[in-house]
Amino acid sequence: MDERYDVVVVGGGAAGLSGALSLSRARRKVLVIDAGAPRNAPAGHVHNYLGREGTPPAELLAIGRDEVAGYGGQVVAGEVVGAERLDDGFRVDLADGSRVHARRLLVTTGLTDELPDVTGLRELWGSDVLHCPYCHGWEVRDQAIGIIGGPMGVHAGLLWRQWSADVTLFRHTGPEPTEEERAQLSALGVRIVEGEVAAVETTGGRLSGVRMASGEVVAREVVVAPPRMDANSSVLDSLGLRAEEFEMNGTVVGTYIPSEPMGATSVPGVWVAGNVANLQAQVISAAAAGLNAAAHINMDLITEDARLAVAAAQRPHHVHDWEAQYRSHGVPHGGGPNASLVAAATDLPAGSALDVGCGEGADAIWLAARGWRVTAVDVSPTALERAAGRAAAVGVEVDWRRADVAAGLPDVSGYDLVTSHFLHSHGEARQKVFAQLAAAVAPGGTLLLVGHDTSDLAIGAHRSHDPDMCWSAEDVAASLDPAEWEVVVAEARPRDAMPNEGDVVTVHDAVVVARRR
């Protein structure tokens, strides 16, 4: 898996896939991590989903995963065990020990149904043991239905009477119905059976009756067992979000994660959707909640992108924020390799190459396509992700590495070609970096350095106007020990540039090509 994403979606049900689909269509980098245990897995079909009525749950999710992948989103199997807020987003920890980085989180982990303590209920859950008439009522219409009572037993009895005239309420552990409730149930023909339920009976694998603690068996074809519904909130717990009790008609029926109407939680950057936030959400409303949350997440990211872009534009060039610059333009640049590289490397035999400050990878990909074994380094994760995508698209392999050259290069050495184009670094710091680059060249190898020539300070070409950012090829060449290096090129190389539309100016690149003896 890639390490960094705009959004990581935890949970691959209807809410999570709907959010991922919308975000992928918005050209966001999206990863869905799904533990593969959907709440509705025991059910035969999804209902009340306009256009998908009667679709098996697994089929609906498979369709959704394909749709997300069709727009570039990733869906992987895995279990998220925790997350931690960082300065630039979130670290997401998986059970297998891997980690990914997310700028934003959408948590759609659903809920767990806790059934009454009655023998046999769990084995028939989703087939002959049900809870929601809107989900299953039509399929069991006119059958003999039994309600296992609890705090909401009378409510369930009145509700399910809409689908069948043969409804029995087993009071079980529920409260004594009021006089008014008994009158309502009696008027509608709902029978009340006193005493606790011990088990459900089956015949041929299908439910056939309800066995009371007294031993009496009441024939029934369907049993309704309203569960307690608790939010799957362990990931959110790790971020400081606690589930709260949800009441219905004065009775606690479960727990949920509070959020704003569009899913934003009290932790900035974290959204929730589906049953983890709404115990009553059906599949279609969970999908809608995922869509709504996605739209708000995307707008939140747009706001951050704009803020970073403005800050980068106002920041002095020598402390330029490359990550903000790459984020600010959503579409990768499609340019080819630098002309100086093509001129210097076309006739070189392919070997190992190091490209420092590789950006979106045009130079590294060009070298790899010509048979070079390339290591490419850049400070921007976004640039490296785009570079890896471009390399994969053309079928070449490059070893992409993230590093801030100002803090020192990775432990690299022995390359046949070391190249760096337009590295933005100050004089003393640049000298140290250039020394590292030179040290990475193997005997007989080539060093290629290209930058902004000092002559460009006098022209309005929107190049660096910080004198310490520019350098001359002669000065850099003079820093190379003649006993170790043969300087092949050290010049200010002119080329045409178009900083403004229709305005062509001549700029000069400082170019140094040297071979290690």
Protein backbone atom coordinates (compact mmCIF):
# COMPACT_ATOMS: atom_id res chain seq x y z
CA MET A 1 0.00 0.00 0.00
CA ASP A 2 1.04 3.60 -0.54
CA GLU A 3 1.94 5.33 2.69
CA ARG A 4 0.11 8.65 2.36
CA TYR A 5 -3.50 9.37 1.41
CA ASP A 6 -5.80 12.35 1.36
CA VAL A 7 -8.45 10.23 3.07
CA VAL A 8 -8.37 6.82 4.73
CA VAL A 9 -11.82 5.27 5.08
CA VAL A 10 -12.07 2.75 7.92
CA GLY A 11 -14.86 0.33 7.03
CA GLY A 12 -15.93 -0.87 3.60
CA GLY A 13 -19.72 -1.05 3.96
CA ALA A 14 -22.28 1.09 2.17
CA ALA A 15 -21.30 4.28 4.02
CA GLY A 16 -17.56 3.82 3.56
CA LEU A 17 -17.70 2.84 -0.11
CA SER A 18 -20.13 5.65 -0.91
CA GLY A 19 -17.80 8.18 0.70
CA ALA A 20 -14.77 6.67 -1.04
CA LEU A 21 -16.53 6.77 -4.41
CA SER A 22 -17.33 10.47 -4.10
CA LEU A 23 -13.82 11.33 -2.89
CA SER A 24 -12.18 9.30 -5.65
CA ARG A 25 -14.32 11.10 -8.22
CA ALA A 26 -13.04 14.33 -6.67
CA ARG A 27 -9.50 13.15 -7.58
CA ARG A 28 -8.52 12.53 -3.98
CA LYS A 29 -6.07 9.81 -2.99
CA VAL A 30 -8.33 7.39 -1.10
CA LEU A 31 -7.73 4.14 0.75
CA VAL A 32 -10.56 1.99 2.14
CA ILE A 33 -9.53 -0.53 4.80
CA ASP A 34 -12.22 -3.14 5.38
CA ALA A 35 -12.22 -5.90 8.02
CA GLY A 36 -14.70 -7.94 5.96
CA ALA A 37 -17.42 -8.38 8.63
CA PRO A 38 -20.48 -6.44 7.44
CA ARG A 39 -23.40 -6.30 9.86
CA ASN A 40 -25.90 -7.44 7.22
CA ALA A 41 -23.86 -10.45 6.04
CA PRO A 42 -26.45 -12.96 7.35
CA ALA A 43 -29.26 -11.27 5.42
CA GLY A 44 -30.26 -12.64 2.04
CA HIS A 45 -31.01 -9.33 0.37
CA VAL A 46 -30.84 -5.54 0.73
CA HIS A 47 -34.20 -3.78 0.69
CA ASN A 48 -35.48 -0.21 0.33
CA TYR A 49 -32.40 0.68 -1.77
CA LEU A 50 -33.87 2.37 -4.82
CA GLY A 51 -32.49 0.79 -7.98
CA ARG A 52 -30.87 -2.08 -6.05
CA GLU A 53 -33.94 -3.59 -4.35
CA GLY A 54 -33.36 -7.25 -3.50
CA THR A 55 -29.62 -7.22 -4.19
CA PRO A 56 -27.62 -9.63 -1.97
CA PRO A 57 -25.43 -7.64 0.48
CA ALA A 58 -22.17 -9.19 -0.73
CA GLU A 59 -23.06 -8.39 -4.33
CA LEU A 60 -23.85 -4.77 -3.49
CA LEU A 61 -20.49 -4.35 -1.76
CA ALA A 62 -18.62 -6.00 -4.65
CA ILE A 63 -20.26 -3.55 -7.06
CA GLY A 64 -19.26 -0.67 -4.80
CA ARG A 65 -15.64 -1.80 -4.55
CA ASP A 66 -15.40 -2.03 -8.34
CA GLU A 67 -16.87 1.45 -8.71
CA VAL A 68 -14.37 2.93 -6.24
CA ALA A 69 -11.46 1.21 -8.00
CA GLY A 70 -12.74 2.51 -11.34
CA TYR A 71 -12.01 6.06 -10.19
CA GLY A 72 -8.57 5.28 -8.74
CA GLY A 73 -9.51 4.55 -5.13
CA GLN A 74 -7.93 1.61 -3.31
CA VAL A 75 -9.85 -0.97 -1.27
CA VAL A 76 -7.85 -3.42 0.83
CA ALA A 77 -8.68 -6.08 3.40
CA GLY A 78 -7.36 -5.33 6.84
CA GLU A 79 -8.21 -4.44 10.42
CA VAL A 80 -7.48 -0.99 11.80
CA VAL A 81 -6.53 -1.26 15.47
CA GLY A 82 -5.93 2.40 16.23
CA ALA A 83 -5.06 5.85 14.98
CA GLU A 84 -3.04 8.78 16.26
CA ARG A 85 -3.37 12.45 15.41
CA LEU A 86 -0.19 14.01 13.98
CA ASP A 87 0.72 17.57 13.01
CA ASP A 88 -0.08 16.88 9.35
CA GLY A 89 -2.94 14.37 9.69
CA PHE A 90 -3.25 10.91 11.20
CA ARG A 91 -1.24 7.73 11.50
CA VAL A 92 -3.44 4.68 11.01
CA ASP A 93 -2.25 1.40 12.57
CA LEU A 94 -3.28 -1.98 11.15
CA ALA A 95 -3.38 -5.33 12.91
CA ASP A 96 -0.61 -6.70 10.68
CA GLY A 97 1.78 -4.02 11.94
CA SER A 98 1.65 -1.81 8.86
CA ARG A 99 0.84 1.90 9.00
CA VAL A 100 -0.53 4.47 6.60
CA HIS A 101 -0.83 8.25 6.77
CA ALA A 102 -4.10 10.11 6.22
CA ARG A 103 -4.80 13.81 5.97
CA ARG A 104 -8.40 13.05 6.96
CA LEU A 105 -10.29 10.05 8.37
CA LEU A 106 -13.77 8.78 7.55
CA VAL A 107 -14.79 6.08 10.04
CA THR A 108 -17.70 3.86 8.99
CA THR A 109 -17.18 0.85 11.25
CA GLY A 110 -20.88 0.20 11.89
CA LEU A 111 -22.24 -1.48 15.00
CA THR A 112 -22.53 -4.82 16.77
CA ASP A 113 -25.91 -6.38 17.55
CA GLU A 114 -26.17 -7.89 21.03
CA LEU A 115 -29.08 -10.36 20.99
CA PRO A 116 -31.18 -11.37 24.01
CA ASP A 117 -29.76 -14.30 25.98
CA VAL A 118 -31.97 -16.94 24.41
CA THR A 119 -30.63 -20.24 23.10
CA GLY A 120 -30.70 -20.57 19.31
CA LEU A 121 -31.23 -16.93 18.36
CA ARG A 122 -27.74 -16.27 17.01
CA GLU A 123 -27.77 -19.31 14.71
CA LEU A 124 -30.93 -18.05 12.94
CA TRP A 125 -30.02 -14.35 12.97
CA GLY A 126 -30.81 -12.75 9.63
CA SER A 127 -32.98 -15.60 8.37
CA ASP A 128 -35.81 -16.58 10.75
CA VAL A 129 -34.69 -14.28 13.60
CA LEU A 130 -35.15 -10.64 12.60
CA HIS A 131 -35.27 -7.16 14.08
CA CYS A 132 -36.34 -4.58 11.46
CA PRO A 133 -39.73 -4.77 9.73
CA TYR A 134 -38.68 -2.24 7.11
CA CYS A 135 -35.77 -4.51 6.19
CA HIS A 136 -37.61 -7.87 6.34
CA GLY A 137 -41.31 -7.36 7.01
CA TRP A 138 -42.49 -7.88 3.43
CA GLU A 139 -40.61 -11.18 3.17
CA VAL A 140 -42.38 -12.64 6.26
CA ARG A 141 -45.78 -11.01 5.73
CA ASP A 142 -48.77 -13.01 7.00
CA GLN A 143 -46.55 -15.52 8.80
CA ALA A 144 -46.76 -16.46 12.48
CA ILE A 145 -44.47 -13.89 14.13
CA GLY A 146 -43.23 -13.95 17.73
CA ILE A 147 -41.79 -10.90 19.50
CA ILE A 148 -39.29 -11.57 22.30
CA GLY A 149 -40.08 -8.75 24.67
CA GLY A 150 -37.72 -6.35 26.30
CA PRO A 151 -37.84 -2.63 26.99
CA MET A 152 -39.28 -2.05 23.47
CA GLY A 153 -41.50 -5.15 23.32
CA VAL A 154 -44.86 -3.39 23.09
CA HIS A 155 -43.49 -1.02 20.45
CA ALA A 156 -42.28 -4.00 18.39
CA GLY A 157 -45.58 -5.81 18.76
CA LEU A 158 -47.57 -2.83 17.46
CA LEU A 159 -45.07 -2.26 14.65
CA TRP A 160 -44.90 -5.82 13.30
CA ARG A 161 -48.70 -6.12 13.39
CA GLN A 162 -48.59 -4.03 10.19
CA TRP A 163 -47.13 -7.02 8.31
CA SER A 164 -49.08 -9.91 9.83
CA ALA A 165 -52.33 -10.52 11.69
CA ASP A 166 -50.69 -13.38 13.62
CA VAL A 167 -48.35 -11.67 16.11
CA THR A 168 -47.55 -12.91 19.61
CA LEU A 169 -45.67 -10.85 22.17
CA PHE A 170 -43.62 -12.98 24.58
CA ARG A 171 -43.20 -10.57 27.48
CA HIS A 172 -39.95 -12.31 28.55
CA THR A 173 -37.96 -9.69 30.54
CA GLY A 174 -39.96 -6.70 29.34
CA PRO A 175 -41.95 -4.42 31.64
CA GLU A 176 -45.59 -5.00 32.43
CA PRO A 177 -47.65 -3.34 29.68
CA THR A 178 -49.79 -0.47 30.84
CA GLU A 179 -53.54 -0.70 30.71
CA GLU A 180 -53.55 1.46 27.59
CA GLU A 181 -50.88 -0.72 25.91
CA ARG A 182 -52.80 -3.89 26.68
CA ALA A 183 -55.90 -2.35 25.18
CA GLN A 184 -54.01 -1.43 22.01
CA LEU A 185 -52.47 -4.88 21.61
CA SER A 186 -55.79 -6.59 22.28
CA ALA A 187 -57.64 -4.41 19.81
CA LEU A 188 -55.11 -5.30 17.11
CA GLY A 189 -55.20 -9.01 17.92
CA VAL A 190 -51.66 -9.23 19.34
CA ARG A 191 -51.54 -12.03 21.91
CA ILE A 192 -49.40 -11.63 25.06
CA VAL A 193 -47.62 -14.67 26.55
CA GLU A 194 -46.28 -14.24 30.09
CA GLY A 195 -43.02 -15.77 31.34
CA GLU A 196 -39.45 -15.91 30.09
CA VAL A 197 -38.31 -17.46 26.83
CA ALA A 198 -35.70 -20.22 27.15
CA ALA A 199 -34.93 -21.07 23.51
CA VAL A 200 -36.18 -21.16 19.96
CA GLU A 201 -36.99 -24.53 18.40
CA THR A 202 -36.10 -25.60 14.86
CA THR A 203 -37.34 -28.26 12.48
CA GLY A 204 -35.33 -29.11 9.40
CA GLY A 205 -33.06 -26.12 10.02
CA ARG A 206 -35.98 -23.63 10.10
CA LEU A 207 -37.54 -22.00 13.13
CA SER A 208 -40.69 -23.82 14.30
CA GLY A 209 -41.45 -22.51 17.75
CA VAL A 210 -40.57 -20.64 20.92
CA ARG A 211 -39.90 -22.71 24.04
CA MET A 212 -40.76 -21.06 27.34
CA ALA A 213 -38.90 -21.59 30.60
CA SER A 214 -41.99 -23.53 31.72
CA GLY A 215 -41.41 -26.02 28.90
CA GLU A 216 -44.39 -24.86 26.81
CA VAL A 217 -43.62 -24.50 23.09
CA VAL A 218 -45.55 -21.91 21.09
CA ALA A 219 -45.46 -22.53 17.34
CA ARG A 220 -43.96 -19.62 15.40
CA GLU A 221 -42.39 -19.24 11.96
CA VAL A 222 -40.50 -16.02 12.63
CA VAL A 223 -39.05 -14.50 15.80
CA VAL A 224 -38.33 -10.81 16.26
CA ALA A 225 -35.51 -10.17 18.75
CA PRO A 226 -34.70 -6.46 19.03
CA PRO A 227 -30.97 -6.32 19.84
CA ARG A 228 -28.92 -3.81 21.76
CA MET A 229 -26.87 -1.97 19.13
CA ASP A 230 -23.41 -0.75 20.14
CA ALA A 231 -21.15 1.34 17.91
CA ASN A 232 -17.89 -0.31 16.82
CA SER A 233 -15.85 2.56 18.19
CA SER A 234 -12.42 1.19 19.14
CA VAL A 235 -10.65 3.18 16.40
CA LEU A 236 -12.44 6.32 17.50
CA ASP A 237 -11.66 5.56 21.16
CA SER A 238 -7.96 5.75 20.29
CA LEU A 239 -8.56 9.32 19.09
CA GLY A 240 -10.41 10.35 22.24
CA LEU A 241 -13.94 9.98 20.84
CA ARG A 242 -16.26 8.14 23.21
CA ALA A 243 -19.54 6.46 22.33
CA GLU A 244 -22.66 7.81 24.04
CA GLU A 245 -25.89 6.05 24.94
CA PHE A 246 -28.79 6.31 22.51
CA GLU A 247 -32.32 6.43 23.86
CA MET A 248 -35.56 5.58 22.09
CA ASN A 249 -38.85 6.25 23.85
CA GLY A 250 -36.95 6.70 27.09
CA THR A 251 -35.10 3.38 26.73
CA VAL A 252 -31.36 2.97 26.08
CA VAL A 253 -31.07 0.78 22.98
CA GLY A 254 -27.36 1.13 22.28
CA THR A 255 -24.43 3.51 21.78
CA TYR A 256 -23.31 5.82 18.98
CA ILE A 257 -20.64 8.40 18.16
CA PRO A 258 -22.06 11.94 18.23
CA SER A 259 -21.36 14.08 15.18
CA GLU A 260 -22.55 17.12 13.30
CA PRO A 261 -25.25 16.60 10.63
CA MET A 262 -22.66 15.94 7.91
CA GLY A 263 -20.54 13.63 10.03
CA ALA A 264 -17.84 15.87 11.50
CA THR A 265 -16.82 14.80 15.00
CA SER A 266 -15.34 16.84 17.84
CA VAL A 267 -11.85 15.77 16.68
CA PRO A 268 -10.83 17.98 13.73
CA GLY A 269 -10.20 15.91 10.62
CA VAL A 270 -12.32 12.93 11.69
CA TRP A 271 -15.75 12.19 10.20
CA VAL A 272 -18.20 9.34 10.87
CA ALA A 273 -21.03 7.94 8.77
CA GLY A 274 -23.44 5.01 8.79
CA ASN A 275 -24.48 2.93 11.79
CA VAL A 276 -21.51 3.98 13.93
CA ALA A 277 -23.17 7.41 14.10
CA ASN A 278 -26.82 6.50 13.47
CA LEU A 279 -28.17 3.23 14.88
CA GLN A 280 -31.34 3.50 12.79
CA ALA A 281 -29.63 3.99 9.41
CA GLN A 282 -30.57 1.49 6.74
CA VAL A 283 -28.24 0.69 3.85
CA ILE A 284 -29.45 3.50 1.60
CA SER A 285 -29.33 6.14 4.34
CA ALA A 286 -25.86 4.94 5.40
CA ALA A 287 -24.70 5.37 1.79
CA ALA A 288 -26.18 8.87 1.73
CA ALA A 289 -24.40 9.75 4.96
CA GLY A 290 -21.11 8.59 3.46
CA LEU A 291 -21.68 10.80 0.43
CA ASN A 292 -22.50 13.84 2.57
CA ALA A 293 -19.45 13.32 4.77
CA ALA A 294 -17.23 12.96 1.68
CA ALA A 295 -18.38 16.29 0.27
CA HIS A 296 -17.50 18.05 3.52
CA ILE A 297 -14.16 16.27 3.79
CA ASN A 298 -13.26 17.33 0.26
CA MET A 299 -14.16 20.95 0.99
CA ASP A 300 -12.10 20.83 4.17
CA LEU A 301 -9.12 19.59 2.15
CA ILE A 302 -9.68 22.26 -0.50
CA THR A 303 -9.60 24.92 2.21
CA GLU A 304 -6.35 23.50 3.56
CA ASP A 305 -4.82 23.23 0.08
CA ALA A 306 -5.65 26.85 -0.62
CA ARG A 307 -4.21 27.98 2.71
CA LEU A 308 -0.99 26.06 2.09
CA ALA A 309 -0.72 27.43 -1.44
CA VAL A 310 -1.12 31.01 -0.24
CA ALA A 311 1.43 30.48 2.51
CA ALA A 312 3.86 28.96 0.02
CA ALA A 313 3.38 31.84 -2.40
CA GLN A 314 4.05 34.40 0.33
CA ARG A 315 7.01 32.56 1.81
CA PRO A 316 10.55 33.57 0.82
CA HIS A 317 11.81 31.28 -1.92
CA HIS A 318 14.66 29.88 0.11
CA VAL A 319 12.21 28.29 2.56
CA HIS A 320 9.86 27.14 -0.17
CA ASP A 321 7.39 24.47 0.88
CA TRP A 322 7.59 21.91 -1.93
CA GLU A 323 4.89 19.68 -0.48
CA ALA A 324 2.44 22.59 -0.46
CA GLN A 325 3.37 23.47 -4.02
CA TYR A 326 2.73 19.93 -5.30
CA ARG A 327 -0.53 19.68 -3.36
CA SER A 328 -1.74 23.00 -4.74
CA HIS A 329 -1.86 21.64 -8.29
CA GLY A 330 -3.94 18.48 -8.30
CA VAL A 331 -2.83 17.20 -11.71
CA PRO A 332 0.76 15.94 -12.15
CA HIS A 333 3.01 17.80 -14.53
CA GLY A 334 3.56 15.79 -17.68
CA GLY A 335 6.90 17.24 -18.76
CA GLY A 336 9.79 15.23 -20.15
CA PRO A 337 13.36 14.94 -18.90
CA ASN A 338 15.61 17.97 -18.51
CA ALA A 339 17.54 18.79 -21.65
CA SER A 340 20.84 18.88 -19.78
CA LEU A 341 20.32 15.30 -18.61
CA VAL A 342 19.49 14.10 -22.10
CA ALA A 343 22.61 15.79 -23.47
CA ALA A 344 24.88 14.39 -20.76
CA ALA A 345 23.51 10.86 -20.40
CA THR A 346 22.35 9.78 -23.86
CA ASP A 347 25.71 8.25 -24.77
CA LEU A 348 26.56 6.89 -21.32
CA PRO A 349 26.32 3.13 -20.76
CA ALA A 350 23.41 2.31 -18.47
CA GLY A 351 24.35 1.57 -14.87
CA SER A 352 23.22 2.79 -11.47
CA ALA A 353 21.89 6.34 -11.12
CA LEU A 354 20.93 8.67 -8.26
CA ASP A 355 18.50 11.54 -8.97
CA VAL A 356 18.26 14.02 -6.07
CA GLY A 357 15.35 16.47 -6.05
CA CYS A 358 13.51 14.23 -8.51
CA GLY A 359 10.12 15.98 -8.23
CA GLU A 360 7.48 14.11 -10.19
CA GLY A 361 10.07 11.82 -11.68
CA ALA A 362 10.55 12.78 -15.35
CA ASP A 363 14.36 12.44 -15.24
CA ALA A 364 14.33 9.22 -13.19
CA ILE A 365 11.74 7.62 -15.45
CA TRP A 366 13.68 8.60 -18.58
CA LEU A 367 16.81 6.99 -17.19
CA ALA A 368 14.96 3.85 -16.06
CA ALA A 369 13.40 3.48 -19.49
CA ARG A 370 16.93 3.46 -20.96
CA GLY A 371 18.02 0.61 -18.69
CA TRP A 372 19.42 2.50 -15.70
CA ARG A 373 18.87 1.25 -12.14
CA VAL A 374 17.59 4.45 -10.58
CA THR A 375 17.26 5.68 -7.02
CA ALA A 376 15.25 8.92 -6.88
CA VAL A 377 15.04 11.20 -3.83
CA ASP A 378 12.70 14.07 -3.01
CA VAL A 379 11.33 15.81 0.09
CA SER A 380 7.71 15.88 -1.10
CA PRO A 381 5.58 12.75 -0.49
CA THR A 382 3.02 13.99 -3.01
CA ALA A 383 5.68 14.38 -5.71
CA LEU A 384 6.99 10.88 -5.02
CA GLU A 385 3.50 9.35 -5.15
CA ARG A 386 2.88 10.97 -8.51
CA ALA A 387 6.29 9.90 -9.77
CA ALA A 388 5.61 6.30 -8.75
CA GLY A 389 2.28 6.43 -10.55
CA ARG A 390 3.90 7.72 -13.75
CA ALA A 391 6.59 5.04 -13.55
CA ALA A 392 4.00 2.29 -13.11
CA ALA A 393 2.03 3.64 -16.06
CA VAL A 394 4.98 3.24 -18.41
CA GLY A 395 6.19 -0.02 -16.87
CA VAL A 396 9.52 0.99 -15.34
CA GLU A 397 10.88 0.47 -11.83
CA VAL A 398 12.50 3.19 -9.74
CA ASP A 399 13.56 3.11 -6.09
CA TRP A 400 11.68 6.17 -4.77
CA ARG A 401 12.94 7.56 -1.46
CA ARG A 402 11.80 10.47 0.66
CA ALA A 403 14.53 12.60 2.24
CA ASP A 404 15.27 16.24 3.00
CA VAL A 405 18.69 16.85 1.50
CA ALA A 406 19.15 19.82 3.84
CA ALA A 407 19.24 17.30 6.69
CA GLY A 408 21.54 14.95 4.79
CA LEU A 409 21.12 12.34 2.08
CA PRO A 410 20.34 8.70 2.80
CA ASP A 411 23.35 6.39 3.02
CA VAL A 412 24.01 6.23 -0.71
CA SER A 413 27.22 5.76 -2.67
CA GLY A 414 28.80 4.06 -5.66
CA TYR A 415 26.53 5.35 -8.45
CA ASP A 416 27.58 5.51 -12.08
CA LEU A 417 25.55 8.69 -12.52
CA VAL A 418 24.52 11.26 -9.90
CA THR A 419 22.29 14.07 -11.09
CA SER A 420 20.43 16.98 -9.52
CA HIS A 421 18.47 19.72 -11.28
CA PHE A 422 17.53 23.07 -9.73
CA LEU A 423 18.08 22.12 -6.12
CA HIS A 424 16.91 25.10 -4.07
CA SER A 425 19.50 25.43 -1.35
CA HIS A 426 21.59 28.27 0.05
CA GLY A 427 25.29 28.74 -0.52
CA GLU A 428 26.88 26.97 2.45
CA ALA A 429 24.12 24.34 2.65
CA ARG A 430 24.33 23.85 -1.10
CA GLN A 431 28.06 23.28 -0.91
CA LYS A 432 27.50 20.50 1.64
CA VAL A 433 24.82 18.88 -0.53
CA PHE A 434 26.99 19.08 -3.65
CA ALA A 435 29.85 17.51 -1.69
CA GLN A 436 27.53 14.62 -0.71
CA LEU A 437 26.44 14.21 -4.33
CA ALA A 438 30.04 14.13 -5.51
CA ALA A 439 30.91 11.56 -2.83
CA ALA A 440 28.10 9.31 -4.11
CA VAL A 441 29.72 8.96 -7.56
CA ALA A 442 31.62 5.74 -8.19
CA PRO A 443 35.09 5.80 -9.82
CA GLY A 444 34.56 6.35 -13.54
CA GLY A 445 31.05 7.70 -12.86
CA THR A 446 29.51 11.03 -13.90
CA LEU A 447 28.25 13.97 -11.82
CA LEU A 448 25.64 16.29 -13.41
CA LEU A 449 24.56 19.44 -11.53
CA VAL A 450 22.18 22.01 -13.00
CA GLY A 451 20.92 25.19 -11.34
CA HIS A 452 20.00 28.83 -11.80
CA ASP A 453 22.95 30.82 -13.11
CA THR A 454 23.79 34.07 -11.35
CA SER A 455 23.16 36.00 -14.59
CA ASP A 456 19.42 35.34 -14.18
CA LEU A 457 19.27 37.72 -11.23
CA ALA A 458 19.15 40.62 -13.67
CA ILE A 459 16.14 39.43 -15.70
CA GLY A 460 12.43 39.27 -14.91
CA ALA A 461 11.96 35.58 -15.55
CA HIS A 462 10.25 34.63 -12.28
CA ARG A 463 13.32 32.62 -11.38
CA SER A 464 14.92 32.86 -7.97
CA HIS A 465 15.85 36.46 -7.16
CA ASP A 466 17.66 35.45 -4.00
CA PRO A 467 21.38 35.86 -4.87
CA ASP A 468 22.33 33.02 -2.57
CA MET A 469 20.11 30.59 -4.52
CA CYS A 470 21.98 31.15 -7.77
CA TRP A 471 25.44 29.86 -8.53
CA SER A 472 27.98 29.73 -11.31
CA ALA A 473 29.21 26.57 -12.96
CA GLU A 474 32.79 27.80 -12.76
CA ASP A 475 32.63 28.15 -8.96
CA VAL A 476 31.20 24.66 -8.48
CA ALA A 477 33.67 23.12 -10.91
CA ALA A 478 36.52 24.81 -9.05
CA SER A 479 35.40 23.10 -5.81
CA LEU A 480 36.07 19.66 -7.33
CA ASP A 481 39.56 18.28 -6.64
CA PRO A 482 41.33 18.04 -10.03
CA ALA A 483 43.16 14.98 -8.79
CA GLU A 484 39.83 13.16 -8.49
CA TRP A 485 37.71 14.85 -11.16
CA GLU A 486 37.77 15.66 -14.83
CA VAL A 487 35.44 18.59 -15.51
CA VAL A 488 33.79 18.01 -18.90
CA VAL A 489 31.33 20.94 -18.88
CA ALA A 490 31.21 24.07 -16.74
CA GLU A 491 29.08 26.72 -18.43
CA ALA A 492 26.07 29.02 -18.31
CA ARG A 493 23.85 27.33 -20.89
CA PRO A 494 21.18 29.57 -22.50
CA ARG A 495 17.62 28.46 -23.25
CA ASP A 496 14.31 30.12 -23.98
CA ALA A 497 11.68 30.31 -21.25
CA MET A 498 8.13 31.65 -21.20
CA PRO A 499 7.40 32.87 -17.65
CA ASN A 500 4.41 34.85 -18.92
CA GLU A 501 2.08 33.96 -21.78
CA GLY A 502 3.59 35.27 -25.01
CA ASP A 503 6.64 36.63 -23.23
CA VAL A 504 9.75 34.67 -24.22
CA VAL A 505 13.00 35.44 -22.42
CA THR A 506 16.46 33.88 -22.49
CA VAL A 507 17.55 32.35 -19.20
CA HIS A 508 20.80 30.60 -18.32
CA ASP A 509 21.27 27.30 -16.56
CA ALA A 510 24.48 26.69 -14.64
CA VAL A 511 25.60 23.25 -15.88
CA VAL A 512 28.45 21.15 -14.49
CA VAL A 513 29.33 17.74 -15.90
CA ALA A 514 32.30 16.00 -14.31
CA ARG A 515 33.71 12.47 -14.36
CA ARG A 516 35.35 10.86 -11.37
CA ARG A 517 38.83 9.56 -12.24
